[in-house]
Amino acid sequence: MNLPISFPSQAEQLRKHLQAYAGATAEERLQAVADTLAAADALSAAGGHREEQLRYHDWCERQWRDRMKEFIAQHVAAARAAR
């Protein structure tokens, strides 16, 4: 398929990205990670759904904790019954 705009391959983009960071110090790499996280947070806030996302994350966390408490309680009860 011939497109009027050529796009670089994903492999080529990744190769260039890795070459750019190959000589970076650990501090520079950590700063790049921090910048990426800050950009993602800014995009999330700009999307207008940040509060909804946080509520959903909290709900998922509560669900996970409840399931883990149930799981642990079942295994503790089973271990006590086996004694």
C-alpha atoms as a PDB file:
ATOM      1  CA  MET A   1       0.000   0.000   0.000  1.00  0.00           C
ATOM      2  CA  ASN A   2       1.397   3.382  -0.981  1.00  0.00           C
ATOM      3  CA  LEU A   3       0.567   6.150   1.446  1.00  0.00           C
ATOM      4  CA  PRO A   4       1.294   9.809   0.712  1.00  0.00           C
ATOM      5  CA  ILE A   5       3.164   9.992   4.025  1.00  0.00           C
ATOM      6  CA  SER A   6       5.809   7.472   4.946  1.00  0.00           C
ATOM      7  CA  PHE A   7       5.943   6.246   8.528  1.00  0.00           C
ATOM      8  CA  PRO A   8       9.077   4.778  10.073  1.00  0.00           C
ATOM      9  CA  SER A   9       8.886   1.202  11.191  1.00  0.00           C
ATOM     10  CA  GLN A  10       8.354   0.563  14.876  1.00  0.00           C
ATOM     11  CA  ALA A  11      11.619  -1.358  14.987  1.00  0.00           C
ATOM     12  CA  GLU A  12      13.486   1.616  13.544  1.00  0.00           C
ATOM     13  CA  GLN A  13      11.834   4.005  16.003  1.00  0.00           C
ATOM     14  CA  LEU A  14      12.768   1.743  18.920  1.00  0.00           C
ATOM     15  CA  ARG A  15      16.331   1.398  17.642  1.00  0.00           C
ATOM     16  CA  LYS A  16      16.740   5.195  17.464  1.00  0.00           C
ATOM     17  CA  HIS A  17      15.177   5.641  20.883  1.00  0.00           C
ATOM     18  CA  LEU A  18      17.538   3.081  22.441  1.00  0.00           C
ATOM     19  CA  GLN A  19      20.559   4.631  20.747  1.00  0.00           C
ATOM     20  CA  ALA A  20      19.611   8.021  22.168  1.00  0.00           C
ATOM     21  CA  TYR A  21      19.675   6.629  25.710  1.00  0.00           C
ATOM     22  CA  ALA A  22      22.597   4.237  25.280  1.00  0.00           C
ATOM     23  CA  GLY A  23      25.114   6.768  26.550  1.00  0.00           C
ATOM     24  CA  ALA A  24      22.848   8.332  29.157  1.00  0.00           C
ATOM     25  CA  THR A  25      23.784   8.261  32.817  1.00  0.00           C
ATOM     26  CA  ALA A  26      21.539   6.598  35.375  1.00  0.00           C
ATOM     27  CA  GLU A  27      20.403  10.048  36.519  1.00  0.00           C
ATOM     28  CA  GLU A  28      19.476  11.046  32.961  1.00  0.00           C
ATOM     29  CA  ARG A  29      17.528   7.823  32.493  1.00  0.00           C
ATOM     30  CA  LEU A  30      15.649   8.329  35.765  1.00  0.00           C
ATOM     31  CA  GLN A  31      14.879  11.900  34.743  1.00  0.00           C
ATOM     32  CA  ALA A  32      13.481  10.618  31.441  1.00  0.00           C
ATOM     33  CA  VAL A  33      11.243   8.206  33.363  1.00  0.00           C
ATOM     34  CA  ALA A  34      10.114  11.010  35.683  1.00  0.00           C
ATOM     35  CA  ASP A  35       9.373  13.235  32.680  1.00  0.00           C
ATOM     36  CA  THR A  36       7.346  10.469  31.043  1.00  0.00           C
ATOM     37  CA  LEU A  37       5.326   9.898  34.211  1.00  0.00           C
ATOM     38  CA  ALA A  38       4.725  13.635  34.589  1.00  0.00           C
ATOM     39  CA  ALA A  39       3.547  13.858  30.988  1.00  0.00           C
ATOM     40  CA  ALA A  40       1.216  10.888  31.462  1.00  0.00           C
ATOM     41  CA  ASP A  41      -0.195  12.466  34.624  1.00  0.00           C
ATOM     42  CA  ALA A  42      -0.706  15.788  32.834  1.00  0.00           C
ATOM     43  CA  LEU A  43      -2.476  14.063  29.938  1.00  0.00           C
ATOM     44  CA  SER A  44      -4.661  12.161  32.386  1.00  0.00           C
ATOM     45  CA  ALA A  45      -5.604  15.370  34.195  1.00  0.00           C
ATOM     46  CA  ALA A  46      -6.244  17.185  30.908  1.00  0.00           C
ATOM     47  CA  GLY A  47      -8.588  14.434  29.777  1.00  0.00           C
ATOM     48  CA  GLY A  48     -11.125  15.466  32.388  1.00  0.00           C
ATOM     49  CA  HIS A  49     -11.545  11.983  33.818  1.00  0.00           C
ATOM     50  CA  ARG A  50      -8.823  12.066  36.458  1.00  0.00           C
ATOM     51  CA  GLU A  51     -11.153  11.923  39.454  1.00  0.00           C
ATOM     52  CA  GLU A  52     -13.100   9.085  37.863  1.00  0.00           C
ATOM     53  CA  GLN A  53      -9.869   7.213  37.195  1.00  0.00           C
ATOM     54  CA  LEU A  54      -8.737   7.665  40.786  1.00  0.00           C
ATOM     55  CA  ARG A  55     -12.091   6.464  42.129  1.00  0.00           C
ATOM     56  CA  TYR A  56     -11.935   3.413  39.863  1.00  0.00           C
ATOM     57  CA  HIS A  57      -8.365   2.688  40.956  1.00  0.00           C
ATOM     58  CA  ASP A  58      -9.384   2.960  44.609  1.00  0.00           C
ATOM     59  CA  TRP A  59     -12.360   0.652  43.992  1.00  0.00           C
ATOM     60  CA  CYS A  60     -10.087  -1.927  42.325  1.00  0.00           C
ATOM     61  CA  GLU A  61      -7.639  -1.691  45.203  1.00  0.00           C
ATOM     62  CA  ARG A  62     -10.419  -2.249  47.754  1.00  0.00           C
ATOM     63  CA  GLN A  63     -11.711  -5.235  45.766  1.00  0.00           C
ATOM     64  CA  TRP A  64      -8.238  -6.771  45.663  1.00  0.00           C
ATOM     65  CA  ARG A  65      -7.700  -6.223  49.383  1.00  0.00           C
ATOM     66  CA  ASP A  66     -11.072  -7.763  50.234  1.00  0.00           C
ATOM     67  CA  ARG A  67     -10.309 -10.822  48.113  1.00  0.00           C
ATOM     68  CA  MET A  68      -6.885 -11.206  49.687  1.00  0.00           C
ATOM     69  CA  LYS A  69      -8.374 -10.967  53.197  1.00  0.00           C
ATOM     70  CA  GLU A  70     -10.905 -13.667  52.288  1.00  0.00           C
ATOM     71  CA  PHE A  71      -8.180 -15.848  50.785  1.00  0.00           C
ATOM     72  CA  ILE A  72      -5.937 -15.505  53.822  1.00  0.00           C
ATOM     73  CA  ALA A  73      -8.821 -16.099  56.236  1.00  0.00           C
ATOM     74  CA  GLN A  74      -9.789 -19.295  54.392  1.00  0.00           C
ATOM     75  CA  HIS A  75      -6.235 -20.634  54.484  1.00  0.00           C
ATOM     76  CA  VAL A  76      -5.729 -19.745  58.134  1.00  0.00           C
ATOM     77  CA  ALA A  77      -8.999 -21.478  58.997  1.00  0.00           C
ATOM     78  CA  ALA A  78      -8.005 -24.519  56.933  1.00  0.00           C
ATOM     79  CA  ALA A  79      -4.584 -24.671  58.597  1.00  0.00           C
ATOM     80  CA  ARG A  80      -6.126 -24.471  62.061  1.00  0.00           C
ATOM     81  CA  ALA A  81      -8.668 -27.170  61.193  1.00  0.00           C
ATOM     82  CA  ALA A  82      -5.879 -29.470  59.987  1.00  0.00           C
ATOM     83  CA  ARG A  83      -4.105 -29.332  63.362  1.00  0.00           C
END
